[in-house]
Amino acid sequence: MKKMVILSVLLLGACSFIPPQVEFLYTDAYNIPVYVIECNNRWGLSYCYKKADQTCPYGFNVIDKSENSYTDSDMDGKVYGGIRRSLIFQCK
């Protein structure tokens, strides 16, 4: 049982090292897709811009970007926090 708990903690911790992915949000009135990427803590807005560049070979338009700090707590009452960054964009 103890090994399962340790393995679960390690697997959950590994998720923080997975780079964020571009996700489809919706299609606008002109049938052009709109995307979002969230780059929290380790991955800054510069990473978001780099991924948008890779997604859109002919450039992109920023629809919205945000950068907000947050605090939260886990089930044990430990408090942690960070910065939530997101970029909403559309290819040209």
PDB file of N, CA and C in Angstrom:
ATOM      1  N   MET A   1       0.827  -1.197   0.000  1.00  0.00           N
ATOM      2  CA  MET A   1       0.000   0.000   0.000  1.00  0.00           C
ATOM      3  C   MET A   1       0.871   1.261   0.000  1.00  0.00           C
ATOM      4  N   LYS A   2       1.917   1.236   0.816  1.00  0.00           N
ATOM      5  CA  LYS A   2       2.808   2.393   0.910  1.00  0.00           C
ATOM      6  C   LYS A   2       3.475   2.668  -0.440  1.00  0.00           C
ATOM      7  N   LYS A   3       3.826   1.595  -1.154  1.00  0.00           N
ATOM      8  CA  LYS A   3       4.448   1.761  -2.466  1.00  0.00           C
ATOM      9  C   LYS A   3       3.481   2.424  -3.448  1.00  0.00           C
ATOM     10  N   MET A   4       2.200   2.090  -3.354  1.00  0.00           N
ATOM     11  CA  MET A   4       1.193   2.686  -4.238  1.00  0.00           C
ATOM     12  C   MET A   4       1.052   4.179  -3.972  1.00  0.00           C
ATOM     13  N   VAL A   5       1.085   4.579  -2.722  1.00  0.00           N
ATOM     14  CA  VAL A   5       0.970   5.996  -2.368  1.00  0.00           C
ATOM     15  C   VAL A   5       2.179   6.765  -2.903  1.00  0.00           C
ATOM     16  N   ILE A   6       3.366   6.207  -2.711  1.00  0.00           N
ATOM     17  CA  ILE A   6       4.585   6.865  -3.195  1.00  0.00           C
ATOM     18  C   ILE A   6       4.560   6.968  -4.711  1.00  0.00           C
ATOM     19  N   LEU A   7       4.148   5.898  -5.390  1.00  0.00           N
ATOM     20  CA  LEU A   7       4.066   5.907  -6.847  1.00  0.00           C
ATOM     21  C   LEU A   7       3.058   6.944  -7.335  1.00  0.00           C
ATOM     22  N   SER A   8       1.922   7.054  -6.660  1.00  0.00           N
ATOM     23  CA  SER A   8       0.903   8.036  -7.033  1.00  0.00           C
ATOM     24  C   SER A   8       1.437   9.459  -6.901  1.00  0.00           C
ATOM     25  N   VAL A   9       2.140   9.737  -5.831  1.00  0.00           N
ATOM     26  CA  VAL A   9       2.705  11.073  -5.610  1.00  0.00           C
ATOM     27  C   VAL A   9       3.735  11.392  -6.693  1.00  0.00           C
ATOM     28  N   LEU A  10       4.576  10.422  -7.027  1.00  0.00           N
ATOM     29  CA  LEU A  10       5.581  10.637  -8.069  1.00  0.00           C
ATOM     30  C   LEU A  10       4.940  10.892  -9.418  1.00  0.00           C
ATOM     31  N   LEU A  11       3.895  10.156  -9.738  1.00  0.00           N
ATOM     32  CA  LEU A  11       3.211  10.337 -11.015  1.00  0.00           C
ATOM     33  C   LEU A  11       2.529  11.698 -11.090  1.00  0.00           C
ATOM     34  N   LEU A  12       1.907  12.115 -10.007  1.00  0.00           N
ATOM     35  CA  LEU A  12       1.257  13.427  -9.992  1.00  0.00           C
ATOM     36  C   LEU A  12       2.284  14.541 -10.096  1.00  0.00           C
ATOM     37  N   GLY A  13       3.412  14.383  -9.463  1.00  0.00           N
ATOM     38  CA  GLY A  13       4.466  15.381  -9.539  1.00  0.00           C
ATOM     39  C   GLY A  13       5.056  15.480 -10.931  1.00  0.00           C
ATOM     40  N   ALA A  14       5.114  14.363 -11.625  1.00  0.00           N
ATOM     41  CA  ALA A  14       5.656  14.351 -12.987  1.00  0.00           C
ATOM     42  C   ALA A  14       4.787  15.150 -13.939  1.00  0.00           C
ATOM     43  N   CYS A  15       3.511  15.268 -13.655  1.00  0.00           N
ATOM     44  CA  CYS A  15       2.599  16.023 -14.524  1.00  0.00           C
ATOM     45  C   CYS A  15       3.008  17.489 -14.639  1.00  0.00           C
ATOM     46  N   SER A  16       3.654  18.029 -13.617  1.00  0.00           N
ATOM     47  CA  SER A  16       4.054  19.435 -13.669  1.00  0.00           C
ATOM     48  C   SER A  16       5.179  19.666 -14.676  1.00  0.00           C
ATOM     49  N   PHE A  17       5.841  18.587 -15.115  1.00  0.00           N
ATOM     50  CA  PHE A  17       6.921  18.715 -16.082  1.00  0.00           C
ATOM     51  C   PHE A  17       6.454  18.504 -17.515  1.00  0.00           C
ATOM     52  N   ILE A  18       5.179  18.186 -17.702  1.00  0.00           N
ATOM     53  CA  ILE A  18       4.633  18.007 -19.041  1.00  0.00           C
ATOM     54  C   ILE A  18       4.321  19.389 -19.605  1.00  0.00           C
ATOM     55  N   PRO A  19       4.895  19.728 -20.765  1.00  0.00           N
ATOM     56  CA  PRO A  19       4.631  21.054 -21.335  1.00  0.00           C
ATOM     57  C   PRO A  19       3.159  21.234 -21.684  1.00  0.00           C
ATOM     58  N   PRO A  20       2.653  22.443 -21.538  1.00  0.00           N
ATOM     59  CA  PRO A  20       1.254  22.703 -21.873  1.00  0.00           C
ATOM     60  C   PRO A  20       1.002  22.526 -23.364  1.00  0.00           C
ATOM     61  N   GLN A  21      -0.218  22.169 -23.701  1.00  0.00           N
ATOM     62  CA  GLN A  21      -0.604  21.920 -25.083  1.00  0.00           C
ATOM     63  C   GLN A  21      -1.624  22.945 -25.545  1.00  0.00           C
ATOM     64  N   VAL A  22      -1.603  23.214 -26.829  1.00  0.00           N
ATOM     65  CA  VAL A  22      -2.586  24.102 -27.439  1.00  0.00           C
ATOM     66  C   VAL A  22      -3.907  23.340 -27.535  1.00  0.00           C
ATOM     67  N   GLU A  23      -4.989  23.979 -27.119  1.00  0.00           N
ATOM     68  CA  GLU A  23      -6.305  23.343 -27.167  1.00  0.00           C
ATOM     69  C   GLU A  23      -7.264  24.187 -28.005  1.00  0.00           C
ATOM     70  N   PHE A  24      -8.107  23.503 -28.758  1.00  0.00           N
ATOM     71  CA  PHE A  24      -9.149  24.163 -29.542  1.00  0.00           C
ATOM     72  C   PHE A  24     -10.209  24.696 -28.587  1.00  0.00           C
ATOM     73  N   LEU A  25     -10.631  25.956 -28.757  1.00  0.00           N
ATOM     74  CA  LEU A  25     -11.668  26.551 -27.920  1.00  0.00           C
ATOM     75  C   LEU A  25     -13.020  26.559 -28.629  1.00  0.00           C
ATOM     76  N   TYR A  26     -13.079  27.253 -29.767  1.00  0.00           N
ATOM     77  CA  TYR A  26     -14.319  27.371 -30.525  1.00  0.00           C
ATOM     78  C   TYR A  26     -14.009  27.867 -31.929  1.00  0.00           C
ATOM     79  N   THR A  27     -15.010  27.902 -32.773  1.00  0.00           N
ATOM     80  CA  THR A  27     -14.884  28.458 -34.116  1.00  0.00           C
ATOM     81  C   THR A  27     -15.658  29.772 -34.135  1.00  0.00           C
ATOM     82  N   ASP A  28     -15.034  30.840 -34.661  1.00  0.00           N
ATOM     83  CA  ASP A  28     -15.684  32.141 -34.662  1.00  0.00           C
ATOM     84  C   ASP A  28     -16.742  32.241 -35.771  1.00  0.00           C
ATOM     85  N   ALA A  29     -17.332  33.416 -35.928  1.00  0.00           N
ATOM     86  CA  ALA A  29     -18.416  33.633 -36.896  1.00  0.00           C
ATOM     87  C   ALA A  29     -17.957  33.419 -38.338  1.00  0.00           C
ATOM     88  N   TYR A  30     -16.645  33.536 -38.579  1.00  0.00           N
ATOM     89  CA  TYR A  30     -16.092  33.340 -39.925  1.00  0.00           C
ATOM     90  C   TYR A  30     -15.536  31.927 -40.117  1.00  0.00           C
ATOM     91  N   ASN A  31     -15.876  31.035 -39.189  1.00  0.00           N
ATOM     92  CA  ASN A  31     -15.474  29.632 -39.217  1.00  0.00           C
ATOM     93  C   ASN A  31     -13.957  29.454 -39.051  1.00  0.00           C
ATOM     94  N   ILE A  32     -13.312  30.372 -38.328  1.00  0.00           N
ATOM     95  CA  ILE A  32     -11.883  30.287 -38.055  1.00  0.00           C
ATOM     96  C   ILE A  32     -11.698  29.799 -36.614  1.00  0.00           C
ATOM     97  N   PRO A  33     -10.896  28.750 -36.415  1.00  0.00           N
ATOM     98  CA  PRO A  33     -10.696  28.215 -35.064  1.00  0.00           C
ATOM     99  C   PRO A  33      -9.988  29.191 -34.132  1.00  0.00           C
ATOM    100  N   VAL A  34     -10.360  29.144 -32.875  1.00  0.00           N
ATOM    101  CA  VAL A  34      -9.731  29.931 -31.819  1.00  0.00           C
ATOM    102  C   VAL A  34      -9.135  28.924 -30.826  1.00  0.00           C
ATOM    103  N   TYR A  35      -7.888  29.188 -30.407  1.00  0.00           N
ATOM    104  CA  TYR A  35      -7.166  28.261 -29.544  1.00  0.00           C
ATOM    105  C   TYR A  35      -6.789  28.928 -28.221  1.00  0.00           C
ATOM    106  N   VAL A  36      -6.481  28.091 -27.238  1.00  0.00           N
ATOM    107  CA  VAL A  36      -5.993  28.571 -25.940  1.00  0.00           C
ATOM    108  C   VAL A  36      -4.830  27.688 -25.506  1.00  0.00           C
ATOM    109  N   ILE A  37      -3.899  28.296 -24.813  1.00  0.00           N
ATOM    110  CA  ILE A  37      -2.829  27.546 -24.156  1.00  0.00           C
ATOM    111  C   ILE A  37      -2.619  28.180 -22.792  1.00  0.00           C
ATOM    112  N   GLU A  38      -2.464  27.334 -21.774  1.00  0.00           N
ATOM    113  CA  GLU A  38      -2.226  27.814 -20.415  1.00  0.00           C
ATOM    114  C   GLU A  38      -0.805  27.449 -20.023  1.00  0.00           C
ATOM    115  N   CYS A  39      -0.038  28.449 -19.645  1.00  0.00           N
ATOM    116  CA  CYS A  39       1.376  28.268 -19.292  1.00  0.00           C
ATOM    117  C   CYS A  39       1.570  28.701 -17.848  1.00  0.00           C
ATOM    118  N   ASN A  40       1.413  27.777 -16.927  1.00  0.00           N
ATOM    119  CA  ASN A  40       1.464  28.115 -15.506  1.00  0.00           C
ATOM    120  C   ASN A  40       2.842  27.875 -14.913  1.00  0.00           C
ATOM    121  N   ASN A  41       3.201  28.697 -13.932  1.00  0.00           N
ATOM    122  CA  ASN A  41       4.434  28.611 -13.153  1.00  0.00           C
ATOM    123  C   ASN A  41       5.676  28.411 -14.003  1.00  0.00           C
ATOM    124  N   ARG A  42       6.067  27.183 -14.224  1.00  0.00           N
ATOM    125  CA  ARG A  42       7.307  26.869 -14.932  1.00  0.00           C
ATOM    126  C   ARG A  42       7.290  27.361 -16.376  1.00  0.00           C
ATOM    127  N   TRP A  43       6.140  27.359 -17.006  1.00  0.00           N
ATOM    128  CA  TRP A  43       6.014  27.723 -18.417  1.00  0.00           C
ATOM    129  C   TRP A  43       5.451  29.136 -18.507  1.00  0.00           C
ATOM    130  N   GLY A  44       6.258  30.100 -18.877  1.00  0.00           N
ATOM    131  CA  GLY A  44       5.834  31.495 -18.936  1.00  0.00           C
ATOM    132  C   GLY A  44       5.104  31.838 -20.221  1.00  0.00           C
ATOM    133  N   LEU A  45       4.683  33.095 -20.316  1.00  0.00           N
ATOM    134  CA  LEU A  45       3.975  33.554 -21.515  1.00  0.00           C
ATOM    135  C   LEU A  45       4.833  33.423 -22.766  1.00  0.00           C
ATOM    136  N   SER A  46       6.147  33.518 -22.626  1.00  0.00           N
ATOM    137  CA  SER A  46       7.006  33.359 -23.804  1.00  0.00           C
ATOM    138  C   SER A  46       6.840  31.969 -24.401  1.00  0.00           C
ATOM    139  N   TYR A  47       6.638  30.966 -23.550  1.00  0.00           N
ATOM    140  CA  TYR A  47       6.382  29.610 -24.043  1.00  0.00           C
ATOM    141  C   TYR A  47       5.043  29.564 -24.772  1.00  0.00           C
ATOM    142  N   CYS A  48       4.046  30.263 -24.226  1.00  0.00           N
ATOM    143  CA  CYS A  48       2.726  30.322 -24.890  1.00  0.00           C
ATOM    144  C   CYS A  48       2.869  30.899 -26.296  1.00  0.00           C
ATOM    145  N   TYR A  49       3.629  31.988 -26.419  1.00  0.00           N
ATOM    146  CA  TYR A  49       3.830  32.609 -27.728  1.00  0.00           C
ATOM    147  C   TYR A  49       4.569  31.672 -28.682  1.00  0.00           C
ATOM    148  N   LYS A  50       5.552  30.950 -28.156  1.00  0.00           N
ATOM    149  CA  LYS A  50       6.299  30.010 -28.985  1.00  0.00           C
ATOM    150  C   LYS A  50       5.378  28.911 -29.522  1.00  0.00           C
ATOM    151  N   LYS A  51       4.514  28.375 -28.673  1.00  0.00           N
ATOM    152  CA  LYS A  51       3.581  27.328 -29.108  1.00  0.00           C
ATOM    153  C   LYS A  51       2.561  27.874 -30.102  1.00  0.00           C
ATOM    154  N   ALA A  52       2.117  29.111 -29.916  1.00  0.00           N
ATOM    155  CA  ALA A  52       1.182  29.715 -30.874  1.00  0.00           C
ATOM    156  C   ALA A  52       1.867  29.869 -32.227  1.00  0.00           C
ATOM    157  N   ASP A  53       3.149  30.252 -32.204  1.00  0.00           N
ATOM    158  CA  ASP A  53       3.932  30.370 -33.439  1.00  0.00           C
ATOM    159  C   ASP A  53       4.034  29.026 -34.158  1.00  0.00           C
ATOM    160  N   GLN A  54       4.250  27.970 -33.403  1.00  0.00           N
ATOM    161  CA  GLN A  54       4.349  26.637 -33.992  1.00  0.00           C
ATOM    162  C   GLN A  54       3.003  26.169 -34.542  1.00  0.00           C
ATOM    163  N   THR A  55       1.923  26.576 -33.911  1.00  0.00           N
ATOM    164  CA  THR A  55       0.584  26.178 -34.336  1.00  0.00           C
ATOM    165  C   THR A  55       0.167  26.919 -35.600  1.00  0.00           C
ATOM    166  N   CYS A  56       0.579  28.163 -35.727  1.00  0.00           N
ATOM    167  CA  CYS A  56       0.148  29.022 -36.835  1.00  0.00           C
ATOM    168  C   CYS A  56       1.353  29.419 -37.693  1.00  0.00           C
ATOM    169  N   PRO A  57       1.618  28.700 -38.775  1.00  0.00           N
ATOM    170  CA  PRO A  57       2.795  28.987 -39.594  1.00  0.00           C
ATOM    171  C   PRO A  57       2.787  30.365 -40.256  1.00  0.00           C
ATOM    172  N   TYR A  58       1.618  30.975 -40.425  1.00  0.00           N
ATOM    173  CA  TYR A  58       1.532  32.294 -41.073  1.00  0.00           C
ATOM    174  C   TYR A  58       1.264  33.412 -40.068  1.00  0.00           C
ATOM    175  N   GLY A  59       1.508  33.138 -38.799  1.00  0.00           N
ATOM    176  CA  GLY A  59       1.303  34.135 -37.752  1.00  0.00           C
ATOM    177  C   GLY A  59      -0.032  33.959 -37.047  1.00  0.00           C
ATOM    178  N   PHE A  60      -0.237  34.745 -36.011  1.00  0.00           N
ATOM    179  CA  PHE A  60      -1.462  34.638 -35.218  1.00  0.00           C
ATOM    180  C   PHE A  60      -1.845  35.995 -34.652  1.00  0.00           C
ATOM    181  N   ASN A  61      -3.102  36.115 -34.299  1.00  0.00           N
ATOM    182  CA  ASN A  61      -3.624  37.297 -33.624  1.00  0.00           C
ATOM    183  C   ASN A  61      -3.974  36.913 -32.193  1.00  0.00           C
ATOM    184  N   VAL A  62      -3.526  37.717 -31.235  1.00  0.00           N
ATOM    185  CA  VAL A  62      -3.861  37.480 -29.831  1.00  0.00           C
ATOM    186  C   VAL A  62      -5.252  38.034 -29.574  1.00  0.00           C
ATOM    187  N   ILE A  63      -6.129  37.189 -29.087  1.00  0.00           N
ATOM    188  CA  ILE A  63      -7.482  37.614 -28.736  1.00  0.00           C
ATOM    189  C   ILE A  63      -7.513  38.070 -27.285  1.00  0.00           C
ATOM    190  N   ASP A  64      -6.805  37.330 -26.427  1.00  0.00           N
ATOM    191  CA  ASP A  64      -6.747  37.689 -25.006  1.00  0.00           C
ATOM    192  C   ASP A  64      -5.541  37.007 -24.379  1.00  0.00           C
ATOM    193  N   LYS A  65      -4.969  37.648 -23.391  1.00  0.00           N
ATOM    194  CA  LYS A  65      -3.917  37.027 -22.593  1.00  0.00           C
ATOM    195  C   LYS A  65      -4.130  37.450 -21.151  1.00  0.00           C
ATOM    196  N   SER A  66      -3.760  36.578 -20.242  1.00  0.00           N
ATOM    197  CA  SER A  66      -3.935  36.908 -18.833  1.00  0.00           C
ATOM    198  C   SER A  66      -2.802  36.315 -18.020  1.00  0.00           C
ATOM    199  N   GLU A  67      -2.567  36.929 -16.881  1.00  0.00           N
ATOM    200  CA  GLU A  67      -1.538  36.488 -15.948  1.00  0.00           C
ATOM    201  C   GLU A  67      -2.046  36.819 -14.551  1.00  0.00           C
ATOM    202  N   ASN A  68      -2.440  35.797 -13.803  1.00  0.00           N
ATOM    203  CA  ASN A  68      -3.025  35.993 -12.478  1.00  0.00           C
ATOM    204  C   ASN A  68      -2.352  35.090 -11.460  1.00  0.00           C
ATOM    205  N   SER A  69      -2.105  35.619 -10.264  1.00  0.00           N
ATOM    206  CA  SER A  69      -1.565  34.776  -9.201  1.00  0.00           C
ATOM    207  C   SER A  69      -2.718  34.087  -8.475  1.00  0.00           C
ATOM    208  N   TYR A  70      -2.404  32.940  -7.879  1.00  0.00           N
ATOM    209  CA  TYR A  70      -3.433  32.187  -7.163  1.00  0.00           C
ATOM    210  C   TYR A  70      -2.812  31.473  -5.972  1.00  0.00           C
ATOM    211  N   THR A  71      -3.634  31.141  -5.011  1.00  0.00           N
ATOM    212  CA  THR A  71      -3.233  30.280  -3.906  1.00  0.00           C
ATOM    213  C   THR A  71      -4.311  29.217  -3.754  1.00  0.00           C
ATOM    214  N   ASP A  72      -3.890  28.076  -3.306  1.00  0.00           N
ATOM    215  CA  ASP A  72      -4.812  26.960  -3.139  1.00  0.00           C
ATOM    216  C   ASP A  72      -4.275  26.089  -2.015  1.00  0.00           C
ATOM    217  N   SER A  73      -5.032  25.117  -1.604  1.00  0.00           N
ATOM    218  CA  SER A  73      -4.553  24.185  -0.587  1.00  0.00           C
ATOM    219  C   SER A  73      -4.924  22.770  -0.991  1.00  0.00           C
ATOM    220  N   ASP A  74      -4.099  21.820  -0.531  1.00  0.00           N
ATOM    221  CA  ASP A  74      -4.388  20.426  -0.840  1.00  0.00           C
ATOM    222  C   ASP A  74      -5.210  19.803   0.286  1.00  0.00           C
ATOM    223  N   MET A  75      -5.430  18.512   0.213  1.00  0.00           N
ATOM    224  CA  MET A  75      -6.280  17.833   1.198  1.00  0.00           C
ATOM    225  C   MET A  75      -5.667  17.825   2.589  1.00  0.00           C
ATOM    226  N   ASP A  76      -4.347  17.981   2.673  1.00  0.00           N
ATOM    227  CA  ASP A  76      -3.678  18.006   3.971  1.00  0.00           C
ATOM    228  C   ASP A  76      -3.626  19.403   4.576  1.00  0.00           C
ATOM    229  N   GLY A  77      -4.172  20.394   3.854  1.00  0.00           N
ATOM    230  CA  GLY A  77      -4.171  21.760   4.342  1.00  0.00           C
ATOM    231  C   GLY A  77      -2.926  22.552   3.988  1.00  0.00           C
ATOM    232  N   LYS A  78      -2.015  21.945   3.205  1.00  0.00           N
ATOM    233  CA  LYS A  78      -0.814  22.666   2.791  1.00  0.00           C
ATOM    234  C   LYS A  78      -1.205  23.690   1.727  1.00  0.00           C
ATOM    235  N   VAL A  79      -0.696  24.895   1.906  1.00  0.00           N
ATOM    236  CA  VAL A  79      -1.027  25.986   0.994  1.00  0.00           C
ATOM    237  C   VAL A  79       0.085  26.124  -0.047  1.00  0.00           C
ATOM    238  N   TYR A  80      -0.311  26.282  -1.285  1.00  0.00           N
ATOM    239  CA  TYR A  80       0.644  26.509  -2.357  1.00  0.00           C
ATOM    240  C   TYR A  80       0.048  27.532  -3.310  1.00  0.00           C
ATOM    241  N   GLY A  81       0.841  28.033  -4.193  1.00  0.00           N
ATOM    242  CA  GLY A  81       0.352  29.029  -5.134  1.00  0.00           C
ATOM    243  C   GLY A  81       1.238  29.120  -6.350  1.00  0.00           C
ATOM    244  N   GLY A  82       0.898  30.041  -7.207  1.00  0.00           N
ATOM    245  CA  GLY A  82       1.659  30.212  -8.428  1.00  0.00           C
ATOM    246  C   GLY A  82       1.025  31.275  -9.295  1.00  0.00           C
ATOM    247  N   ILE A  83       1.352  31.205 -10.561  1.00  0.00           N
ATOM    248  CA  ILE A  83       0.817  32.165 -11.520  1.00  0.00           C
ATOM    249  C   ILE A  83       0.147  31.405 -12.651  1.00  0.00           C
ATOM    250  N   ARG A  84      -1.073  31.787 -12.947  1.00  0.00           N
ATOM    251  CA  ARG A  84      -1.795  31.221 -14.091  1.00  0.00           C
ATOM    252  C   ARG A  84      -1.643  32.178 -15.265  1.00  0.00           C
ATOM    253  N   ARG A  85      -1.120  31.665 -16.353  1.00  0.00           N
ATOM    254  CA  ARG A  85      -0.968  32.466 -17.572  1.00  0.00           C
ATOM    255  C   ARG A  85      -1.721  31.763 -18.688  1.00  0.00           C
ATOM    256  N   SER A  86      -2.416  32.522 -19.482  1.00  0.00           N
ATOM    257  CA  SER A  86      -3.078  31.915 -20.635  1.00  0.00           C
ATOM    258  C   SER A  86      -3.043  32.867 -21.823  1.00  0.00           C
ATOM    259  N   LEU A  87      -3.072  32.269 -22.991  1.00  0.00           N
ATOM    260  CA  LEU A  87      -3.060  33.007 -24.242  1.00  0.00           C
ATOM    261  C   LEU A  87      -4.144  32.425 -25.136  1.00  0.00           C
ATOM    262  N   ILE A  88      -5.066  33.289 -25.548  1.00  0.00           N
ATOM    263  CA  ILE A  88      -6.113  32.888 -26.490  1.00  0.00           C
ATOM    264  C   ILE A  88      -5.759  33.543 -27.821  1.00  0.00           C
ATOM    265  N   PHE A  89      -5.694  32.726 -28.879  1.00  0.00           N
ATOM    266  CA  PHE A  89      -5.226  33.251 -30.159  1.00  0.00           C
ATOM    267  C   PHE A  89      -5.947  32.590 -31.330  1.00  0.00           C
ATOM    268  N   GLN A  90      -5.741  33.198 -32.474  1.00  0.00           N
ATOM    269  CA  GLN A  90      -6.359  32.739 -33.715  1.00  0.00           C
ATOM    270  C   GLN A  90      -5.314  32.857 -34.823  1.00  0.00           C
ATOM    271  N   CYS A  91      -5.198  31.842 -35.661  1.00  0.00           N
ATOM    272  CA  CYS A  91      -4.238  31.890 -36.763  1.00  0.00           C
ATOM    273  C   CYS A  91      -4.680  32.874 -37.831  1.00  0.00           C
ATOM    274  N   LYS A  92      -3.703  33.487 -38.501  1.00  0.00           N
ATOM    275  CA  LYS A  92      -3.991  34.418 -39.590  1.00  0.00           C
ATOM    276  C   LYS A  92      -4.290  33.649 -40.869  1.00  0.00           C
TER     277      LYS A  92
END
